[in-house]
């Protein structure tokens, strides 16, 4: 999922996406521990997606906060 796709999601959907990615990372760690995974680059990819989703979430929260301050 690209950053532009993430920007189209709502705050609730972003939180759900981050939760799903964290679960996927945990599952990958278990797979590594049980020697079921050979491609360890998956960790870097998932962490990058989590960071991108967190960045977009922070942007959306800051935008909504600035809109509320302007309305006051």
PDB file of N, CA and C in Angstrom:
ATOM      1  N   UNK A   1       0.854  -1.171   0.000  1.00  0.00           N
ATOM      2  CA  UNK A   1       0.000   0.000   0.000  1.00  0.00           C
ATOM      3  C   UNK A   1       0.902   1.237   0.000  1.00  0.00           C
ATOM      4  N   UNK A   2       0.624   2.144  -0.925  1.00  0.00           N
ATOM      5  CA  UNK A   2       1.457   3.333  -1.046  1.00  0.00           C
ATOM      6  C   UNK A   2       0.994   4.410  -0.069  1.00  0.00           C
ATOM      7  N   UNK A   3       1.800   5.436   0.050  1.00  0.00           N
ATOM      8  CA  UNK A   3       1.479   6.540   0.951  1.00  0.00           C
ATOM      9  C   UNK A   3       0.223   7.250   0.479  1.00  0.00           C
ATOM     10  N   UNK A   4       0.054   7.385  -0.836  1.00  0.00           N
ATOM     11  CA  UNK A   4      -1.155   8.034  -1.359  1.00  0.00           C
ATOM     12  C   UNK A   4      -2.405   7.239  -0.998  1.00  0.00           C
ATOM     13  N   UNK A   5      -2.310   5.915  -1.017  1.00  0.00           N
ATOM     14  CA  UNK A   5      -3.440   5.084  -0.605  1.00  0.00           C
ATOM     15  C   UNK A   5      -3.735   5.278   0.876  1.00  0.00           C
ATOM     16  N   UNK A   6      -2.684   5.408   1.679  1.00  0.00           N
ATOM     17  CA  UNK A   6      -2.874   5.615   3.110  1.00  0.00           C
ATOM     18  C   UNK A   6      -3.531   6.960   3.396  1.00  0.00           C
ATOM     19  N   UNK A   7      -3.201   7.972   2.605  1.00  0.00           N
ATOM     20  CA  UNK A   7      -3.775   9.306   2.818  1.00  0.00           C
ATOM     21  C   UNK A   7      -5.276   9.333   2.550  1.00  0.00           C
ATOM     22  N   UNK A   8      -5.772   8.392   1.772  1.00  0.00           N
ATOM     23  CA  UNK A   8      -7.203   8.329   1.470  1.00  0.00           C
ATOM     24  C   UNK A   8      -8.007   7.700   2.609  1.00  0.00           C
ATOM     25  N   UNK A   9      -7.327   7.025   3.533  1.00  0.00           N
ATOM     26  CA  UNK A   9      -8.015   6.361   4.636  1.00  0.00           C
ATOM     27  C   UNK A   9      -8.356   7.352   5.736  1.00  0.00           C
ATOM     28  N   UNK A  10      -9.381   7.025   6.522  1.00  0.00           N
ATOM     29  CA  UNK A  10      -9.738   7.853   7.661  1.00  0.00           C
ATOM     30  C   UNK A  10      -8.841   7.507   8.850  1.00  0.00           C
ATOM     31  N   UNK A  11      -8.969   8.277   9.922  1.00  0.00           N
ATOM     32  CA  UNK A  11      -8.156   8.056  11.120  1.00  0.00           C
ATOM     33  C   UNK A  11      -8.446   6.677  11.710  1.00  0.00           C
ATOM     34  N   UNK A  12      -9.699   6.296  11.742  1.00  0.00           N
ATOM     35  CA  UNK A  12     -10.079   4.994  12.298  1.00  0.00           C
ATOM     36  C   UNK A  12      -9.500   3.870  11.447  1.00  0.00           C
ATOM     37  N   UNK A  13      -9.592   4.023  10.123  1.00  0.00           N
ATOM     38  CA  UNK A  13      -9.049   3.004   9.229  1.00  0.00           C
ATOM     39  C   UNK A  13      -7.527   2.920   9.345  1.00  0.00           C
ATOM     40  N   UNK A  14      -6.872   4.067   9.537  1.00  0.00           N
ATOM     41  CA  UNK A  14      -5.416   4.062   9.715  1.00  0.00           C
ATOM     42  C   UNK A  14      -5.021   3.328  10.988  1.00  0.00           C
ATOM     43  N   UNK A  15      -5.767   3.575  12.069  1.00  0.00           N
ATOM     44  CA  UNK A  15      -5.481   2.866  13.318  1.00  0.00           C
ATOM     45  C   UNK A  15      -5.648   1.357  13.138  1.00  0.00           C
ATOM     46  N   UNK A  16      -6.674   0.964  12.410  1.00  0.00           N
ATOM     47  CA  UNK A  16      -6.896  -0.464  12.146  1.00  0.00           C
ATOM     48  C   UNK A  16      -5.771  -1.034  11.284  1.00  0.00           C
ATOM     49  N   UNK A  17      -5.331  -0.273  10.293  1.00  0.00           N
ATOM     50  CA  UNK A  17      -4.247  -0.715   9.412  1.00  0.00           C
ATOM     51  C   UNK A  17      -2.954  -0.884  10.202  1.00  0.00           C
ATOM     52  N   UNK A  18      -2.664   0.046  11.104  1.00  0.00           N
ATOM     53  CA  UNK A  18      -1.461  -0.056  11.938  1.00  0.00           C
ATOM     54  C   UNK A  18      -1.538  -1.295  12.822  1.00  0.00           C
ATOM     55  N   UNK A  19      -2.703  -1.543  13.390  1.00  0.00           N
ATOM     56  CA  UNK A  19      -2.889  -2.744  14.204  1.00  0.00           C
ATOM     57  C   UNK A  19      -2.671  -4.016  13.408  1.00  0.00           C
ATOM     58  N   UNK A  20      -3.188  -4.033  12.182  1.00  0.00           N
ATOM     59  CA  UNK A  20      -3.002  -5.201  11.315  1.00  0.00           C
ATOM     60  C   UNK A  20      -1.527  -5.409  10.971  1.00  0.00           C
ATOM     61  N   UNK A  21      -0.832  -4.313  10.692  1.00  0.00           N
ATOM     62  CA  UNK A  21       0.590  -4.415  10.356  1.00  0.00           C
ATOM     63  C   UNK A  21       1.415  -4.893  11.544  1.00  0.00           C
ATOM     64  N   UNK A  22       1.063  -4.431  12.743  1.00  0.00           N
ATOM     65  CA  UNK A  22       1.784  -4.883  13.939  1.00  0.00           C
ATOM     66  C   UNK A  22       1.546  -6.372  14.180  1.00  0.00           C
ATOM     67  N   UNK A  23       0.315  -6.833  13.924  1.00  0.00           N
ATOM     68  CA  UNK A  23       0.016  -8.255  14.065  1.00  0.00           C
ATOM     69  C   UNK A  23       0.803  -9.060  13.033  1.00  0.00           C
ATOM     70  N   UNK A  24       0.888  -8.529  11.806  1.00  0.00           N
ATOM     71  CA  UNK A  24       1.648  -9.195  10.747  1.00  0.00           C
ATOM     72  C   UNK A  24       3.129  -9.288  11.115  1.00  0.00           C
ATOM     73  N   UNK A  25       3.667  -8.223  11.729  1.00  0.00           N
ATOM     74  CA  UNK A  25       5.061  -8.227  12.161  1.00  0.00           C
ATOM     75  C   UNK A  25       5.283  -9.273  13.254  1.00  0.00           C
ATOM     76  N   UNK A  26       4.343  -9.361  14.191  1.00  0.00           N
ATOM     77  CA  UNK A  26       4.451 -10.346  15.255  1.00  0.00           C
ATOM     78  C   UNK A  26       4.403 -11.764  14.688  1.00  0.00           C
ATOM     79  N   UNK A  27       3.497 -11.995  13.736  1.00  0.00           N
ATOM     80  CA  UNK A  27       3.403 -13.310  13.105  1.00  0.00           C
ATOM     81  C   UNK A  27       4.689 -13.663  12.362  1.00  0.00           C
ATOM     82  N   UNK A  28       5.292 -12.664  11.723  1.00  0.00           N
ATOM     83  CA  UNK A  28       6.551 -12.901  11.011  1.00  0.00           C
ATOM     84  C   UNK A  28       7.669 -13.248  11.985  1.00  0.00           C
ATOM     85  N   UNK A  29       7.669 -12.611  13.148  1.00  0.00           N
ATOM     86  CA  UNK A  29       8.677 -12.927  14.165  1.00  0.00           C
ATOM     87  C   UNK A  29       8.520 -14.360  14.665  1.00  0.00           C
ATOM     88  N   UNK A  30       7.272 -14.782  14.852  1.00  0.00           N
ATOM     89  CA  UNK A  30       7.038 -16.168  15.274  1.00  0.00           C
ATOM     90  C   UNK A  30       7.484 -17.141  14.189  1.00  0.00           C
ATOM     91  N   UNK A  31       7.214 -16.789  12.948  1.00  0.00           N
ATOM     92  CA  UNK A  31       7.636 -17.642  11.834  1.00  0.00           C
ATOM     93  C   UNK A  31       9.152 -17.757  11.774  1.00  0.00           C
ATOM     94  N   UNK A  32       9.842 -16.658  12.052  1.00  0.00           N
ATOM     95  CA  UNK A  32      11.301 -16.690  12.060  1.00  0.00           C
ATOM     96  C   UNK A  32      11.810 -17.562  13.206  1.00  0.00           C
ATOM     97  N   UNK A  33      11.163 -17.456  14.352  1.00  0.00           N
ATOM     98  CA  UNK A  33      11.596 -18.231  15.514  1.00  0.00           C
ATOM     99  C   UNK A  33      11.400 -19.731  15.297  1.00  0.00           C
ATOM    100  N   UNK A  34      10.390 -20.086  14.515  1.00  0.00           N
ATOM    101  CA  UNK A  34      10.134 -21.502  14.253  1.00  0.00           C
ATOM    102  C   UNK A  34      10.748 -21.955  12.926  1.00  0.00           C
ATOM    103  N   UNK A  35      11.618 -21.133  12.373  1.00  0.00           N
ATOM    104  CA  UNK A  35      12.348 -21.434  11.124  1.00  0.00           C
ATOM    105  C   UNK A  35      11.430 -21.685   9.942  1.00  0.00           C
ATOM    106  N   UNK A  36      10.292 -21.022   9.905  1.00  0.00           N
ATOM    107  CA  UNK A  36       9.372 -21.165   8.792  1.00  0.00           C
ATOM    108  C   UNK A  36       9.556 -20.070   7.749  1.00  0.00           C
ATOM    109  N   UNK A  37      10.389 -19.090   8.048  1.00  0.00           N
ATOM    110  CA  UNK A  37      10.587 -17.963   7.144  1.00  0.00           C
ATOM    111  C   UNK A  37      12.066 -17.865   6.790  1.00  0.00           C
ATOM    112  N   UNK A  38      12.337 -17.652   5.523  1.00  0.00           N
ATOM    113  CA  UNK A  38      13.715 -17.526   5.087  1.00  0.00           C
ATOM    114  C   UNK A  38      14.029 -16.105   4.632  1.00  0.00           C
ATOM    115  N   UNK A  39      13.038 -15.373   4.162  1.00  0.00           N
ATOM    116  CA  UNK A  39      13.223 -14.018   3.664  1.00  0.00           C
ATOM    117  C   UNK A  39      13.051 -13.027   4.818  1.00  0.00           C
ATOM    118  N   UNK A  40      14.152 -12.591   5.393  1.00  0.00           N
ATOM    119  CA  UNK A  40      14.085 -11.701   6.549  1.00  0.00           C
ATOM    120  C   UNK A  40      13.880 -10.242   6.165  1.00  0.00           C
ATOM    121  N   UNK A  41      13.840  -9.937   4.865  1.00  0.00           N
ATOM    122  CA  UNK A  41      13.588  -8.554   4.465  1.00  0.00           C
ATOM    123  C   UNK A  41      12.148  -8.145   4.735  1.00  0.00           C
ATOM    124  N   UNK A  42      11.298  -9.114   5.014  1.00  0.00           N
ATOM    125  CA  UNK A  42       9.900  -8.824   5.315  1.00  0.00           C
ATOM    126  C   UNK A  42       9.776  -7.926   6.547  1.00  0.00           C
ATOM    127  N   UNK A  43      10.699  -8.061   7.498  1.00  0.00           N
ATOM    128  CA  UNK A  43      10.661  -7.245   8.708  1.00  0.00           C
ATOM    129  C   UNK A  43      10.841  -5.771   8.373  1.00  0.00           C
ATOM    130  N   UNK A  44      11.807  -5.480   7.529  1.00  0.00           N
ATOM    131  CA  UNK A  44      12.068  -4.100   7.137  1.00  0.00           C
ATOM    132  C   UNK A  44      10.874  -3.517   6.389  1.00  0.00           C
ATOM    133  N   UNK A  45      10.268  -4.306   5.519  1.00  0.00           N
ATOM    134  CA  UNK A  45       9.129  -3.837   4.737  1.00  0.00           C
ATOM    135  C   UNK A  45       7.933  -3.522   5.625  1.00  0.00           C
ATOM    136  N   UNK A  46       7.663  -4.404   6.582  1.00  0.00           N
ATOM    137  CA  UNK A  46       6.514  -4.191   7.472  1.00  0.00           C
ATOM    138  C   UNK A  46       6.763  -2.986   8.366  1.00  0.00           C
ATOM    139  N   UNK A  47       7.971  -2.861   8.901  1.00  0.00           N
ATOM    140  CA  UNK A  47       8.297  -1.713   9.753  1.00  0.00           C
ATOM    141  C   UNK A  47       8.169  -0.401   8.984  1.00  0.00           C
ATOM    142  N   UNK A  48       8.567  -0.409   7.718  1.00  0.00           N
ATOM    143  CA  UNK A  48       8.459   0.785   6.882  1.00  0.00           C
ATOM    144  C   UNK A  48       6.987   1.155   6.679  1.00  0.00           C
ATOM    145  N   UNK A  49       6.140   0.151   6.439  1.00  0.00           N
ATOM    146  CA  UNK A  49       4.717   0.409   6.256  1.00  0.00           C
ATOM    147  C   UNK A  49       4.089   0.966   7.526  1.00  0.00           C
ATOM    148  N   UNK A  50       4.507   0.437   8.685  1.00  0.00           N
ATOM    149  CA  UNK A  50       4.000   0.939   9.965  1.00  0.00           C
ATOM    150  C   UNK A  50       4.401   2.401  10.138  1.00  0.00           C
ATOM    151  N   UNK A  51       5.652   2.721   9.834  1.00  0.00           N
ATOM    152  CA  UNK A  51       6.139   4.093   9.978  1.00  0.00           C
ATOM    153  C   UNK A  51       5.386   5.033   9.038  1.00  0.00           C
ATOM    154  N   UNK A  52       5.137   4.608   7.807  1.00  0.00           N
ATOM    155  CA  UNK A  52       4.403   5.441   6.865  1.00  0.00           C
ATOM    156  C   UNK A  52       2.973   5.683   7.353  1.00  0.00           C
ATOM    157  N   UNK A  53       2.333   4.644   7.852  1.00  0.00           N
ATOM    158  CA  UNK A  53       0.961   4.780   8.347  1.00  0.00           C
ATOM    159  C   UNK A  53       0.920   5.700   9.560  1.00  0.00           C
ATOM    160  N   UNK A  54       1.904   5.579  10.453  1.00  0.00           N
ATOM    161  CA  UNK A  54       1.957   6.466  11.619  1.00  0.00           C
ATOM    162  C   UNK A  54       2.171   7.913  11.201  1.00  0.00           C
ATOM    163  N   UNK A  55       2.986   8.138  10.192  1.00  0.00           N
ATOM    164  CA  UNK A  55       3.238   9.494   9.699  1.00  0.00           C
ATOM    165  C   UNK A  55       1.969  10.108   9.131  1.00  0.00           C
ATOM    166  N   UNK A  56       1.258   9.354   8.321  1.00  0.00           N
ATOM    167  CA  UNK A  56       0.010   9.856   7.739  1.00  0.00           C
ATOM    168  C   UNK A  56      -1.018  10.093   8.830  1.00  0.00           C
ATOM    169  N   UNK A  57      -1.081   9.218   9.815  1.00  0.00           N
ATOM    170  CA  UNK A  57      -2.015   9.386  10.932  1.00  0.00           C
ATOM    171  C   UNK A  57      -1.713  10.674  11.689  1.00  0.00           C
ATOM    172  N   UNK A  58      -0.446  10.931  11.957  1.00  0.00           N
ATOM    173  CA  UNK A  58      -0.051  12.155  12.656  1.00  0.00           C
ATOM    174  C   UNK A  58      -0.412  13.384  11.832  1.00  0.00           C
ATOM    175  N   UNK A  59      -0.204  13.330  10.528  1.00  0.00           N
ATOM    176  CA  UNK A  59      -0.568  14.441   9.658  1.00  0.00           C
ATOM    177  C   UNK A  59      -2.072  14.725   9.743  1.00  0.00           C
ATOM    178  N   UNK A  60      -2.866  13.666   9.688  1.00  0.00           N
ATOM    179  CA  UNK A  60      -4.323  13.845   9.736  1.00  0.00           C
ATOM    180  C   UNK A  60      -4.771  14.422  11.077  1.00  0.00           C
ATOM    181  N   UNK A  61      -4.180  13.952  12.162  1.00  0.00           N
ATOM    182  CA  UNK A  61      -4.536  14.456  13.490  1.00  0.00           C
ATOM    183  C   UNK A  61      -4.154  15.924  13.610  1.00  0.00           C
ATOM    184  N   UNK A  62      -2.962  16.281  13.117  1.00  0.00           N
ATOM    185  CA  UNK A  62      -2.532  17.676  13.169  1.00  0.00           C
ATOM    186  C   UNK A  62      -3.419  18.568  12.313  1.00  0.00           C
ATOM    187  N   UNK A  63      -3.855  18.074  11.166  1.00  0.00           N
ATOM    188  CA  UNK A  63      -4.754  18.846  10.307  1.00  0.00           C
ATOM    189  C   UNK A  63      -6.086  19.091  10.994  1.00  0.00           C
ATOM    190  N   UNK A  64      -6.621  18.063  11.628  1.00  0.00           N
ATOM    191  CA  UNK A  64      -7.916  18.227  12.298  1.00  0.00           C
ATOM    192  C   UNK A  64      -7.788  19.161  13.497  1.00  0.00           C
ATOM    193  N   UNK A  65      -6.667  19.099  14.201  1.00  0.00           N
ATOM    194  CA  UNK A  65      -6.456  19.998  15.332  1.00  0.00           C
ATOM    195  C   UNK A  65      -6.312  21.448  14.872  1.00  0.00           C
ATOM    196  N   UNK A  66      -5.630  21.666  13.774  1.00  0.00           N
ATOM    197  CA  UNK A  66      -5.459  23.029  13.272  1.00  0.00           C
ATOM    198  C   UNK A  66      -6.792  23.592  12.762  1.00  0.00           C
ATOM    199  N   UNK A  67      -7.633  22.746  12.176  1.00  0.00           N
ATOM    200  CA  UNK A  67      -8.945  23.194  11.720  1.00  0.00           C
ATOM    201  C   UNK A  67      -9.814  23.584  12.906  1.00  0.00           C
ATOM    202  N   UNK A  68      -9.731  22.823  13.991  1.00  0.00           N
ATOM    203  CA  UNK A  68     -10.512  23.136  15.188  1.00  0.00           C
ATOM    204  C   UNK A  68     -10.057  24.448  15.810  1.00  0.00           C
ATOM    205  N   UNK A  69      -8.748  24.700  15.814  1.00  0.00           N
ATOM    206  CA  UNK A  69      -8.217  25.944  16.381  1.00  0.00           C
ATOM    207  C   UNK A  69      -8.652  27.146  15.533  1.00  0.00           C
ATOM    208  N   UNK A  70      -8.713  26.966  14.227  1.00  0.00           N
ATOM    209  CA  UNK A  70      -9.129  28.062  13.355  1.00  0.00           C
ATOM    210  C   UNK A  70     -10.607  28.371  13.503  1.00  0.00           C
ATOM    211  N   UNK A  71     -11.407  27.370  13.863  1.00  0.00           N
ATOM    212  CA  UNK A  71     -12.839  27.573  14.028  1.00  0.00           C
ATOM    213  C   UNK A  71     -13.188  28.244  15.342  1.00  0.00           C
ATOM    214  N   UNK A  72     -12.297  28.237  16.285  1.00  0.00           N
ATOM    215  CA  UNK A  72     -12.593  28.806  17.603  1.00  0.00           C
ATOM    216  C   UNK A  72     -12.530  30.281  17.621  1.00  0.00           C
TER     217      UNK A  72
END
